Amino acid sequence: MQFSKSIVIRMIVVITLCSAGIFAVTLVVNYMQSRSMLEMELEKNARNLASSLANRVDAELVSVAKVTEGMARSLDTAEYNREGLVPLIGSMLDSNPSVYGSAIAFEPYAFNKQERLYALYLFRDEGTVKAIRLDASYRYVPYLYQDWYQIPVELQAPVWSEPYFDDGGGNATMATCSVPFYYSSGGKKEVKGVVSADIRLDSLTQLISSVRILKTGYAMLLSRNGMVLTHPDSSFIMNESIFSIAEERSDPVLREMGRKMIAGESGFVHHSLTDEPGWMYYAPIRSTGWTLAVVFPEAELFEKVRNLSLTMAGIGTGGLLLLALVVAMATRSITLPLRALASATGPMASGNFDVELPAVRSNDEIGMLTSSFRMMGESLKEYIRNLTETTAQKERIQSELQMATDIQASLLPRIFPAFPERPEFDIFASMDAAKEVGGDFYDFFFIDDSHLCFLIADVADKGVPAALYMMVAKTLLKSEAQRLRDPGVILEHVNNILAEDNESCMFATVFCAILDTASGELIFSNAGHNPPLLVGSGGVRYLDVKPGFLLGPVPDSRYETERITLRNGDVFFLYTDGVTEAKNREDELFGEQRLLEILQGDFSMAVEDMVHAVRSSVAGFAEGAAQSDDITMVALQYTGNGISSSAIDAPLIISKS
């Protein structure tokens, strides 16, 4: 038994593969569902976390904006000189530690008529508060053209500036809240100046950095223009914007996300600003237009799910190996008797039916199969023994039949020309048996120097009984012909002999004729045989003869002797019904008309050629169909001097004796 085709291997492969497939599908579905549920929960938590952080940042910025707004409103209604501005700004710094510095800047000549520009700025410096004049600090570009001043004047509304790095001042990233203040002129409110408050973003950075998101997750703050304000990677801060990163990566998704951020939208996307994939939730900070985003690294987020899946995969693999081992053991225990039976049946297939089969130890299918093989072996032994005996018997019968065939053939005249020394006639005959031995026969012999007796017969049935009956009938006909010399009398005597003790009611048809070779006179008698054909220069025709009764079944039957005179060249043609009743594959009969047409073909043919022509026509008509009856023919041509061929115009007369 080949290893690759054994039942054990196939059972292990099929069951293990099916189980592995089911387990793999279950594992994948479980992983996908767990991931989906985790993503849903993540979005909810990310939204809450981002909103919370955004509110805290917004609250701090709003408090600075309100303080700045309050100072601007006080400047709307009160006039301050130089000495009054310093305490006003100083008290604001004292009460708002998150404010790094604050300035009050006036429109040209708004502070006094002698000075075009006046801007006072107080800021913290190593624990003290210092004051400088901004109108003197901005030597090349007056503060009137700085964004922190110009934008709120133009908009006449509070404005937060874009974050910037205050190099040489605070040396930190800052943002400025600017609020315009006004005076009334002719009932119309005119901008008088701008109050600003600078805050360091360090506190916001610390607030955002203090948020722990898993191990490597982070929160970040983006400006109104998408500039990165806070990020774990300090190289991003104030150096990169979400649009520059998108441009560098050719990332349209990141670019679109940046557009939504500066539009004040919020969202939950599978993206991050670094190469590490992750999930990001971003939300706007309403007071400044900035955006706060929280990033959850995907590898870390799904680590537990992945670890759980790997654990399940490991357990499943171990289970599959254990299952394969159990299947192998179970299948082996089942197939062990089968393999023993297969090993035993190998010699049986080679003909050794005495091989010992395994003992039947159970009544299951294997036990039943073993019992069936044992019974089959015994049956085959008996069958082969009977077949051997039958074959030997058949060979013996075949040999005996061959001997019978040879004996039967030796009883029929087979040497032609039969009488080469007699020029007054020529005779030819043939017999093709349908079986090993046939029931047809023919014979011809001289009963004296000038009279030739010839006959044809067809015994009912075929095979050995017909052959035995044929031999008896042939012997009787020959002996009675030599003694009685009259065809009708010959048939009567032979019929009576055959009818005695004919318990099997066998019979034969016989046509017996005696030719006077000197005169051409032919006397004949018919015992139920086919009518003969006469072939001459005047044509071919069936002779209208008395049919007579069959030979053998009924004693004391009478047979009439008839006579004709053959002319020189006439052919007297006898045949059995094996010729006219031959069948082709369509079950059609050869028929008397075809026989007549063949003999009409050429009157000059010799009798041997005439018989062979009929045999060939019958064989061609049958087209290989099995021969169902013996085919026997006898043809006699008279070439004597009885009646001249010139007298052939006179009709032949059949006379009765």
Foldseek 3Di string as FASTA:
>chain_A
DDPCPDPLNVLLVVVLVVLVVVLVVVLVVVLVVVVVVLVVVVVVVQVVVQVVLLVVVLVLVVVQLVLQVVLQAVVQPDQDAPVRVVVSQVVSCVVRVQFFKKKWWWQQCLNHVVGGTWMKMWGDDPHDIDIDTQQVVPPPDGPCPPCLWVVCQVVQAKAKDWWDQDPPPPRAIKIKIKHWHWYDDPNDTHTTTIMMTIGGCPVSQCVQQVDDAQPPKGKWKAALQQQTCHDPPCCRHRNNGLVNLCVVVVPVVSVVVSVCLNVQHWDWAFQDSDPQTWIKTKGANPVGSMIMMITHGPCRSCVVSVVVSVVSVVVSVVVSVVVSVVSSVVVCVVCVLVVQQVVQCVVVVVPPLVGDHDDQPDDDPSSVVSVVSNVVSVVVVVVVVVVVVVVVVVVVVVVVLLVLLVVLVVVADDDPPPCVVQPQKGKDKDKDFLDSFFLKGKHWDDLDDFKIKIKIKHKPDTDDVSSVVSVLLVVQLVVLCSVPVAAQVSLQVSLQVLQPPPVVLIWMWMKMWMARSAQQKIKIKTAQFDFKWKFDPVAIDGDDHDRHHIRHNDHPGGIWIKMKGDEALMKIKGKGVLLQQQAAPVRDTNHPVVLRVLSRPDSPDDPVVNVVSSVVVSCVRNVPPRRDHMIMMMMMGGRHVNHYPVPVVDDMDMGID
